[in-house]
Amino acid sequence: MKTIQKFSKEYLEHCKSMKPEQIVRFLDDFRRLHGATKEDPMRLISMKIPESLLNAFKLKYQAGGIRDQTQIKVLMKEWLKT
């Protein structure tokens, strides 16, 4: 099922007032978000996560044949869409 995105009147007014440089930046950020390119290198990060949470997360996604780091990236992208 595809998500339907609704825009508030305030947001649409904000978009109308955007400068060309802001629009270009938005489009470039959108492109980078929806597909890593050679221009968009990966960055190694370190996070402290409770061991029980990490183990449960890994078990759930490994059972589905998905790598945990891949699923974390998917969750991050989905969160940004909301």
PDB file of N, CA and C in Angstrom:
ATOM      1  N   MET A   1       0.837  -1.163   0.000  1.00  0.00           N
ATOM      2  CA  MET A   1       0.000   0.000   0.000  1.00  0.00           C
ATOM      3  C   MET A   1       0.893   1.241   0.000  1.00  0.00           C
ATOM      4  N   LYS A   2       0.623   2.156  -0.875  1.00  0.00           N
ATOM      5  CA  LYS A   2       1.397   3.386  -0.942  1.00  0.00           C
ATOM      6  C   LYS A   2       0.866   4.397   0.065  1.00  0.00           C
ATOM      7  N   THR A   3       1.781   5.172   0.600  1.00  0.00           N
ATOM      8  CA  THR A   3       1.415   6.212   1.538  1.00  0.00           C
ATOM      9  C   THR A   3       0.911   7.431   0.780  1.00  0.00           C
ATOM     10  N   ILE A   4      -0.140   8.025   1.291  1.00  0.00           N
ATOM     11  CA  ILE A   4      -0.657   9.260   0.705  1.00  0.00           C
ATOM     12  C   ILE A   4      -0.108  10.402   1.544  1.00  0.00           C
ATOM     13  N   GLN A   5       0.567  11.312   0.910  1.00  0.00           N
ATOM     14  CA  GLN A   5       1.142  12.436   1.630  1.00  0.00           C
ATOM     15  C   GLN A   5       0.214  13.627   1.522  1.00  0.00           C
ATOM     16  N   LYS A   6      -0.114  14.202   2.676  1.00  0.00           N
ATOM     17  CA  LYS A   6      -0.982  15.369   2.714  1.00  0.00           C
ATOM     18  C   LYS A   6      -0.159  16.570   3.146  1.00  0.00           C
ATOM     19  N   PHE A   7      -0.401  17.697   2.526  1.00  0.00           N
ATOM     20  CA  PHE A   7       0.337  18.915   2.829  1.00  0.00           C
ATOM     21  C   PHE A   7      -0.592  19.940   3.452  1.00  0.00           C
ATOM     22  N   SER A   8      -0.113  20.572   4.507  1.00  0.00           N
ATOM     23  CA  SER A   8      -0.897  21.631   5.139  1.00  0.00           C
ATOM     24  C   SER A   8      -0.808  22.901   4.286  1.00  0.00           C
ATOM     25  N   LYS A   9      -1.743  23.797   4.488  1.00  0.00           N
ATOM     26  CA  LYS A   9      -1.721  25.076   3.768  1.00  0.00           C
ATOM     27  C   LYS A   9      -0.448  25.845   4.113  1.00  0.00           C
ATOM     28  N   GLU A  10      -0.025  25.757   5.386  1.00  0.00           N
ATOM     29  CA  GLU A  10       1.188  26.457   5.820  1.00  0.00           C
ATOM     30  C   GLU A  10       2.411  25.915   5.078  1.00  0.00           C
ATOM     31  N   TYR A  11       2.475  24.602   4.934  1.00  0.00           N
ATOM     32  CA  TYR A  11       3.617  24.006   4.252  1.00  0.00           C
ATOM     33  C   TYR A  11       3.646  24.420   2.779  1.00  0.00           C
ATOM     34  N   LEU A  12       2.499  24.401   2.136  1.00  0.00           N
ATOM     35  CA  LEU A  12       2.436  24.798   0.733  1.00  0.00           C
ATOM     36  C   LEU A  12       2.826  26.266   0.553  1.00  0.00           C
ATOM     37  N   GLU A  13       2.421  27.116   1.492  1.00  0.00           N
ATOM     38  CA  GLU A  13       2.823  28.524   1.428  1.00  0.00           C
ATOM     39  C   GLU A  13       4.333  28.656   1.605  1.00  0.00           C
ATOM     40  N   HIS A  14       4.869  27.860   2.505  1.00  0.00           N
ATOM     41  CA  HIS A  14       6.320  27.871   2.703  1.00  0.00           C
ATOM     42  C   HIS A  14       7.032  27.465   1.407  1.00  0.00           C
ATOM     43  N   CYS A  15       6.530  26.430   0.751  1.00  0.00           N
ATOM     44  CA  CYS A  15       7.146  25.966  -0.498  1.00  0.00           C
ATOM     45  C   CYS A  15       7.112  27.049  -1.571  1.00  0.00           C
ATOM     46  N   LYS A  16       6.023  27.785  -1.642  1.00  0.00           N
ATOM     47  CA  LYS A  16       5.910  28.863  -2.634  1.00  0.00           C
ATOM     48  C   LYS A  16       6.938  29.954  -2.404  1.00  0.00           C
ATOM     49  N   SER A  17       7.334  30.130  -1.142  1.00  0.00           N
ATOM     50  CA  SER A  17       8.272  31.205  -0.824  1.00  0.00           C
ATOM     51  C   SER A  17       9.740  30.769  -0.903  1.00  0.00           C
ATOM     52  N   MET A  18       9.981  29.526  -1.255  1.00  0.00           N
ATOM     53  CA  MET A  18      11.365  29.036  -1.304  1.00  0.00           C
ATOM     54  C   MET A  18      12.138  29.673  -2.447  1.00  0.00           C
ATOM     55  N   LYS A  19      13.400  29.944  -2.166  1.00  0.00           N
ATOM     56  CA  LYS A  19      14.306  30.497  -3.173  1.00  0.00           C
ATOM     57  C   LYS A  19      14.828  29.353  -4.037  1.00  0.00           C
ATOM     58  N   PRO A  20      15.263  29.643  -5.260  1.00  0.00           N
ATOM     59  CA  PRO A  20      15.771  28.580  -6.140  1.00  0.00           C
ATOM     60  C   PRO A  20      16.881  27.745  -5.493  1.00  0.00           C
ATOM     61  N   GLU A  21      17.763  28.390  -4.720  1.00  0.00           N
ATOM     62  CA  GLU A  21      18.842  27.653  -4.059  1.00  0.00           C
ATOM     63  C   GLU A  21      18.294  26.647  -3.047  1.00  0.00           C
ATOM     64  N   GLN A  22      17.220  27.032  -2.356  1.00  0.00           N
ATOM     65  CA  GLN A  22      16.596  26.138  -1.384  1.00  0.00           C
ATOM     66  C   GLN A  22      15.935  24.947  -2.086  1.00  0.00           C
ATOM     67  N   ILE A  23      15.333  25.199  -3.217  1.00  0.00           N
ATOM     68  CA  ILE A  23      14.695  24.127  -3.980  1.00  0.00           C
ATOM     69  C   ILE A  23      15.738  23.144  -4.482  1.00  0.00           C
ATOM     70  N   VAL A  24      16.836  23.657  -5.002  1.00  0.00           N
ATOM     71  CA  VAL A  24      17.917  22.788  -5.489  1.00  0.00           C
ATOM     72  C   VAL A  24      18.463  21.949  -4.350  1.00  0.00           C
ATOM     73  N   ARG A  25      18.665  22.562  -3.189  1.00  0.00           N
ATOM     74  CA  ARG A  25      19.177  21.828  -2.023  1.00  0.00           C
ATOM     75  C   ARG A  25      18.202  20.720  -1.622  1.00  0.00           C
ATOM     76  N   PHE A  26      16.901  21.045  -1.577  1.00  0.00           N
ATOM     77  CA  PHE A  26      15.886  20.055  -1.227  1.00  0.00           C
ATOM     78  C   PHE A  26      15.921  18.881  -2.208  1.00  0.00           C
ATOM     79  N   LEU A  27      15.959  19.170  -3.495  1.00  0.00           N
ATOM     80  CA  LEU A  27      15.965  18.109  -4.501  1.00  0.00           C
ATOM     81  C   LEU A  27      17.221  17.249  -4.413  1.00  0.00           C
ATOM     82  N   ASP A  28      18.356  17.880  -4.152  1.00  0.00           N
ATOM     83  CA  ASP A  28      19.604  17.141  -4.011  1.00  0.00           C
ATOM     84  C   ASP A  28      19.562  16.247  -2.773  1.00  0.00           C
ATOM     85  N   ASP A  29      19.068  16.773  -1.660  1.00  0.00           N
ATOM     86  CA  ASP A  29      18.937  15.965  -0.448  1.00  0.00           C
ATOM     87  C   ASP A  29      17.972  14.801  -0.665  1.00  0.00           C
ATOM     88  N   PHE A  30      16.866  15.060  -1.369  1.00  0.00           N
ATOM     89  CA  PHE A  30      15.885  14.012  -1.662  1.00  0.00           C
ATOM     90  C   PHE A  30      16.522  12.902  -2.503  1.00  0.00           C
ATOM     91  N   ARG A  31      17.284  13.298  -3.521  1.00  0.00           N
ATOM     92  CA  ARG A  31      17.949  12.323  -4.381  1.00  0.00           C
ATOM     93  C   ARG A  31      18.923  11.470  -3.574  1.00  0.00           C
ATOM     94  N   ARG A  32      19.687  12.097  -2.716  1.00  0.00           N
ATOM     95  CA  ARG A  32      20.648  11.353  -1.891  1.00  0.00           C
ATOM     96  C   ARG A  32      19.958  10.420  -0.917  1.00  0.00           C
ATOM     97  N   LEU A  33      18.845  10.856  -0.371  1.00  0.00           N
ATOM     98  CA  LEU A  33      18.111  10.047   0.596  1.00  0.00           C
ATOM     99  C   LEU A  33      17.554   8.781  -0.041  1.00  0.00           C
ATOM    100  N   HIS A  34      17.115   8.870  -1.285  1.00  0.00           N
ATOM    101  CA  HIS A  34      16.445   7.752  -1.942  1.00  0.00           C
ATOM    102  C   HIS A  34      17.356   6.945  -2.849  1.00  0.00           C
ATOM    103  N   GLY A  35      18.603   6.875  -2.531  1.00  0.00           N
ATOM    104  CA  GLY A  35      19.510   6.032  -3.295  1.00  0.00           C
ATOM    105  C   GLY A  35      20.932   6.535  -3.193  1.00  0.00           C
ATOM    106  N   ALA A  36      21.754   5.792  -2.490  1.00  0.00           N
ATOM    107  CA  ALA A  36      23.155   6.192  -2.358  1.00  0.00           C
ATOM    108  C   ALA A  36      23.825   6.167  -3.728  1.00  0.00           C
ATOM    109  N   THR A  37      24.651   7.142  -3.969  1.00  0.00           N
ATOM    110  CA  THR A  37      25.393   7.211  -5.213  1.00  0.00           C
ATOM    111  C   THR A  37      26.873   7.277  -4.876  1.00  0.00           C
ATOM    112  N   LYS A  38      27.709   7.328  -5.885  1.00  0.00           N
ATOM    113  CA  LYS A  38      29.142   7.478  -5.651  1.00  0.00           C
ATOM    114  C   LYS A  38      29.424   8.784  -4.913  1.00  0.00           C
ATOM    115  N   GLU A  39      28.567   9.773  -5.096  1.00  0.00           N
ATOM    116  CA  GLU A  39      28.723  11.061  -4.414  1.00  0.00           C
ATOM    117  C   GLU A  39      28.335  10.979  -2.948  1.00  0.00           C
ATOM    118  N   ASP A  40      27.607   9.936  -2.574  1.00  0.00           N
ATOM    119  CA  ASP A  40      27.064   9.817  -1.219  1.00  0.00           C
ATOM    120  C   ASP A  40      27.743   8.648  -0.502  1.00  0.00           C
ATOM    121  N   PRO A  41      28.945   8.850   0.030  1.00  0.00           N
ATOM    122  CA  PRO A  41      29.663   7.747   0.662  1.00  0.00           C
ATOM    123  C   PRO A  41      29.016   7.316   1.973  1.00  0.00           C
ATOM    124  N   MET A  42      29.264   6.081   2.349  1.00  0.00           N
ATOM    125  CA  MET A  42      28.779   5.567   3.626  1.00  0.00           C
ATOM    126  C   MET A  42      29.668   6.095   4.741  1.00  0.00           C
ATOM    127  N   ARG A  43      29.089   6.225   5.918  1.00  0.00           N
ATOM    128  CA  ARG A  43      29.833   6.703   7.076  1.00  0.00           C
ATOM    129  C   ARG A  43      29.644   5.729   8.221  1.00  0.00           C
ATOM    130  N   LEU A  44      30.738   5.325   8.818  1.00  0.00           N
ATOM    131  CA  LEU A  44      30.716   4.424   9.955  1.00  0.00           C
ATOM    132  C   LEU A  44      30.331   5.203  11.202  1.00  0.00           C
ATOM    133  N   ILE A  45      29.341   4.683  11.961  1.00  0.00           N
ATOM    134  CA  ILE A  45      28.939   5.332  13.203  1.00  0.00           C
ATOM    135  C   ILE A  45      29.026   4.326  14.341  1.00  0.00           C
ATOM    136  N   SER A  46      29.019   4.828  15.533  1.00  0.00           N
ATOM    137  CA  SER A  46      29.043   3.983  16.725  1.00  0.00           C
ATOM    138  C   SER A  46      27.887   4.412  17.613  1.00  0.00           C
ATOM    139  N   MET A  47      27.138   3.435  18.125  1.00  0.00           N
ATOM    140  CA  MET A  47      25.983   3.731  18.976  1.00  0.00           C
ATOM    141  C   MET A  47      25.993   2.798  20.171  1.00  0.00           C
ATOM    142  N   LYS A  48      25.539   3.297  21.300  1.00  0.00           N
ATOM    143  CA  LYS A  48      25.335   2.441  22.462  1.00  0.00           C
ATOM    144  C   LYS A  48      23.869   2.050  22.491  1.00  0.00           C
ATOM    145  N   ILE A  49      23.619   0.737  22.467  1.00  0.00           N
ATOM    146  CA  ILE A  49      22.262   0.199  22.460  1.00  0.00           C
ATOM    147  C   ILE A  49      22.217  -0.900  23.514  1.00  0.00           C
ATOM    148  N   PRO A  50      21.148  -0.973  24.300  1.00  0.00           N
ATOM    149  CA  PRO A  50      21.056  -2.061  25.264  1.00  0.00           C
ATOM    150  C   PRO A  50      21.224  -3.417  24.559  1.00  0.00           C
ATOM    151  N   GLU A  51      22.027  -4.281  25.153  1.00  0.00           N
ATOM    152  CA  GLU A  51      22.346  -5.558  24.517  1.00  0.00           C
ATOM    153  C   GLU A  51      21.106  -6.388  24.226  1.00  0.00           C
ATOM    154  N   SER A  52      20.143  -6.375  25.155  1.00  0.00           N
ATOM    155  CA  SER A  52      18.919  -7.163  24.935  1.00  0.00           C
ATOM    156  C   SER A  52      18.134  -6.654  23.731  1.00  0.00           C
ATOM    157  N   LEU A  53      18.093  -5.336  23.556  1.00  0.00           N
ATOM    158  CA  LEU A  53      17.396  -4.751  22.405  1.00  0.00           C
ATOM    159  C   LEU A  53      18.100  -5.121  21.107  1.00  0.00           C
ATOM    160  N   LEU A  54      19.419  -5.005  21.087  1.00  0.00           N
ATOM    161  CA  LEU A  54      20.180  -5.342  19.890  1.00  0.00           C
ATOM    162  C   LEU A  54      20.026  -6.819  19.533  1.00  0.00           C
ATOM    163  N   ASN A  55      20.099  -7.688  20.527  1.00  0.00           N
ATOM    164  CA  ASN A  55      19.953  -9.127  20.264  1.00  0.00           C
ATOM    165  C   ASN A  55      18.571  -9.456  19.713  1.00  0.00           C
ATOM    166  N   ALA A  56      17.534  -8.869  20.294  1.00  0.00           N
ATOM    167  CA  ALA A  56      16.166  -9.110  19.806  1.00  0.00           C
ATOM    168  C   ALA A  56      16.008  -8.597  18.380  1.00  0.00           C
ATOM    169  N   PHE A  57      16.574  -7.418  18.100  1.00  0.00           N
ATOM    170  CA  PHE A  57      16.512  -6.829  16.760  1.00  0.00           C
ATOM    171  C   PHE A  57      17.190  -7.750  15.756  1.00  0.00           C
ATOM    172  N   LYS A  58      18.396  -8.214  16.080  1.00  0.00           N
ATOM    173  CA  LYS A  58      19.139  -9.097  15.173  1.00  0.00           C
ATOM    174  C   LYS A  58      18.391 -10.398  14.922  1.00  0.00           C
ATOM    175  N   LEU A  59      17.857 -11.009  15.975  1.00  0.00           N
ATOM    176  CA  LEU A  59      17.137 -12.272  15.809  1.00  0.00           C
ATOM    177  C   LEU A  59      15.941 -12.120  14.892  1.00  0.00           C
ATOM    178  N   LYS A  60      15.187 -11.042  15.079  1.00  0.00           N
ATOM    179  CA  LYS A  60      13.991 -10.836  14.258  1.00  0.00           C
ATOM    180  C   LYS A  60      14.337 -10.690  12.780  1.00  0.00           C
ATOM    181  N   TYR A  61      15.338  -9.871  12.460  1.00  0.00           N
ATOM    182  CA  TYR A  61      15.630  -9.617  11.057  1.00  0.00           C
ATOM    183  C   TYR A  61      16.509 -10.679  10.418  1.00  0.00           C
ATOM    184  N   GLN A  62      17.323 -11.374  11.193  1.00  0.00           N
ATOM    185  CA  GLN A  62      18.079 -12.483  10.636  1.00  0.00           C
ATOM    186  C   GLN A  62      17.138 -13.627  10.275  1.00  0.00           C
ATOM    187  N   ALA A  63      16.079 -13.799  11.061  1.00  0.00           N
ATOM    188  CA  ALA A  63      15.087 -14.834  10.755  1.00  0.00           C
ATOM    189  C   ALA A  63      14.409 -14.551   9.418  1.00  0.00           C
ATOM    190  N   GLY A  64      14.294 -13.279   9.066  1.00  0.00           N
ATOM    191  CA  GLY A  64      13.685 -12.893   7.789  1.00  0.00           C
ATOM    192  C   GLY A  64      14.707 -12.790   6.671  1.00  0.00           C
ATOM    193  N   GLY A  65      15.970 -13.114   6.969  1.00  0.00           N
ATOM    194  CA  GLY A  65      17.009 -13.064   5.943  1.00  0.00           C
ATOM    195  C   GLY A  65      17.508 -11.661   5.643  1.00  0.00           C
ATOM    196  N   ILE A  66      17.269 -10.735   6.564  1.00  0.00           N
ATOM    197  CA  ILE A  66      17.686  -9.352   6.369  1.00  0.00           C
ATOM    198  C   ILE A  66      18.808  -9.053   7.358  1.00  0.00           C
ATOM    199  N   ARG A  67      19.816  -8.322   6.896  1.00  0.00           N
ATOM    200  CA  ARG A  67      20.895  -7.921   7.790  1.00  0.00           C
ATOM    201  C   ARG A  67      20.419  -6.784   8.685  1.00  0.00           C
ATOM    202  N   ASP A  68      20.883  -6.794   9.926  1.00  0.00           N
ATOM    203  CA  ASP A  68      20.425  -5.785  10.880  1.00  0.00           C
ATOM    204  C   ASP A  68      20.810  -4.371  10.458  1.00  0.00           C
ATOM    205  N   GLN A  69      22.001  -4.160   9.913  1.00  0.00           N
ATOM    206  CA  GLN A  69      22.386  -2.816   9.491  1.00  0.00           C
ATOM    207  C   GLN A  69      21.537  -2.333   8.321  1.00  0.00           C
ATOM    208  N   THR A  70      21.202  -3.248   7.436  1.00  0.00           N
ATOM    209  CA  THR A  70      20.319  -2.896   6.313  1.00  0.00           C
ATOM    210  C   THR A  70      18.963  -2.465   6.845  1.00  0.00           C
ATOM    211  N   GLN A  71      18.442  -3.193   7.822  1.00  0.00           N
ATOM    212  CA  GLN A  71      17.130  -2.859   8.378  1.00  0.00           C
ATOM    213  C   GLN A  71      17.165  -1.528   9.125  1.00  0.00           C
ATOM    214  N   ILE A  72      18.259  -1.234   9.803  1.00  0.00           N
ATOM    215  CA  ILE A  72      18.379   0.059  10.490  1.00  0.00           C
ATOM    216  C   ILE A  72      18.296   1.195   9.468  1.00  0.00           C
ATOM    217  N   LYS A  73      18.973   1.045   8.325  1.00  0.00           N
ATOM    218  CA  LYS A  73      18.917   2.080   7.281  1.00  0.00           C
ATOM    219  C   LYS A  73      17.498   2.228   6.728  1.00  0.00           C
ATOM    220  N   VAL A  74      16.807   1.100   6.541  1.00  0.00           N
ATOM    221  CA  VAL A  74      15.419   1.141   6.057  1.00  0.00           C
ATOM    222  C   VAL A  74      14.549   1.889   7.057  1.00  0.00           C
ATOM    223  N   LEU A  75      14.699   1.576   8.342  1.00  0.00           N
ATOM    224  CA  LEU A  75      13.903   2.245   9.370  1.00  0.00           C
ATOM    225  C   LEU A  75      14.191   3.743   9.425  1.00  0.00           C
ATOM    226  N   MET A  76      15.447   4.119   9.261  1.00  0.00           N
ATOM    227  CA  MET A  76      15.808   5.538   9.263  1.00  0.00           C
ATOM    228  C   MET A  76      15.149   6.271   8.094  1.00  0.00           C
ATOM    229  N   LYS A  77      15.196   5.670   6.914  1.00  0.00           N
ATOM    230  CA  LYS A  77      14.577   6.302   5.732  1.00  0.00           C
ATOM    231  C   LYS A  77      13.067   6.411   5.900  1.00  0.00           C
ATOM    232  N   GLU A  78      12.432   5.356   6.426  1.00  0.00           N
ATOM    233  CA  GLU A  78      10.987   5.384   6.636  1.00  0.00           C
ATOM    234  C   GLU A  78      10.599   6.464   7.646  1.00  0.00           C
ATOM    235  N   TRP A  79      11.399   6.606   8.696  1.00  0.00           N
ATOM    236  CA  TRP A  79      11.115   7.618   9.705  1.00  0.00           C
ATOM    237  C   TRP A  79      11.186   9.023   9.111  1.00  0.00           C
ATOM    238  N   LEU A  80      12.124   9.250   8.216  1.00  0.00           N
ATOM    239  CA  LEU A  80      12.266  10.564   7.588  1.00  0.00           C
ATOM    240  C   LEU A  80      11.093  10.904   6.671  1.00  0.00           C
ATOM    241  N   LYS A  81      10.422   9.908   6.155  1.00  0.00           N
ATOM    242  CA  LYS A  81       9.284  10.138   5.256  1.00  0.00           C
ATOM    243  C   LYS A  81       8.052  10.630   6.019  1.00  0.00           C
ATOM    244  N   THR A  82       7.995  10.400   7.314  1.00  0.00           N
ATOM    245  CA  THR A  82       6.799  10.777   8.082  1.00  0.00           C
ATOM    246  C   THR A  82       6.834  12.204   8.523  1.00  0.00           C
TER     247      THR A  82
END
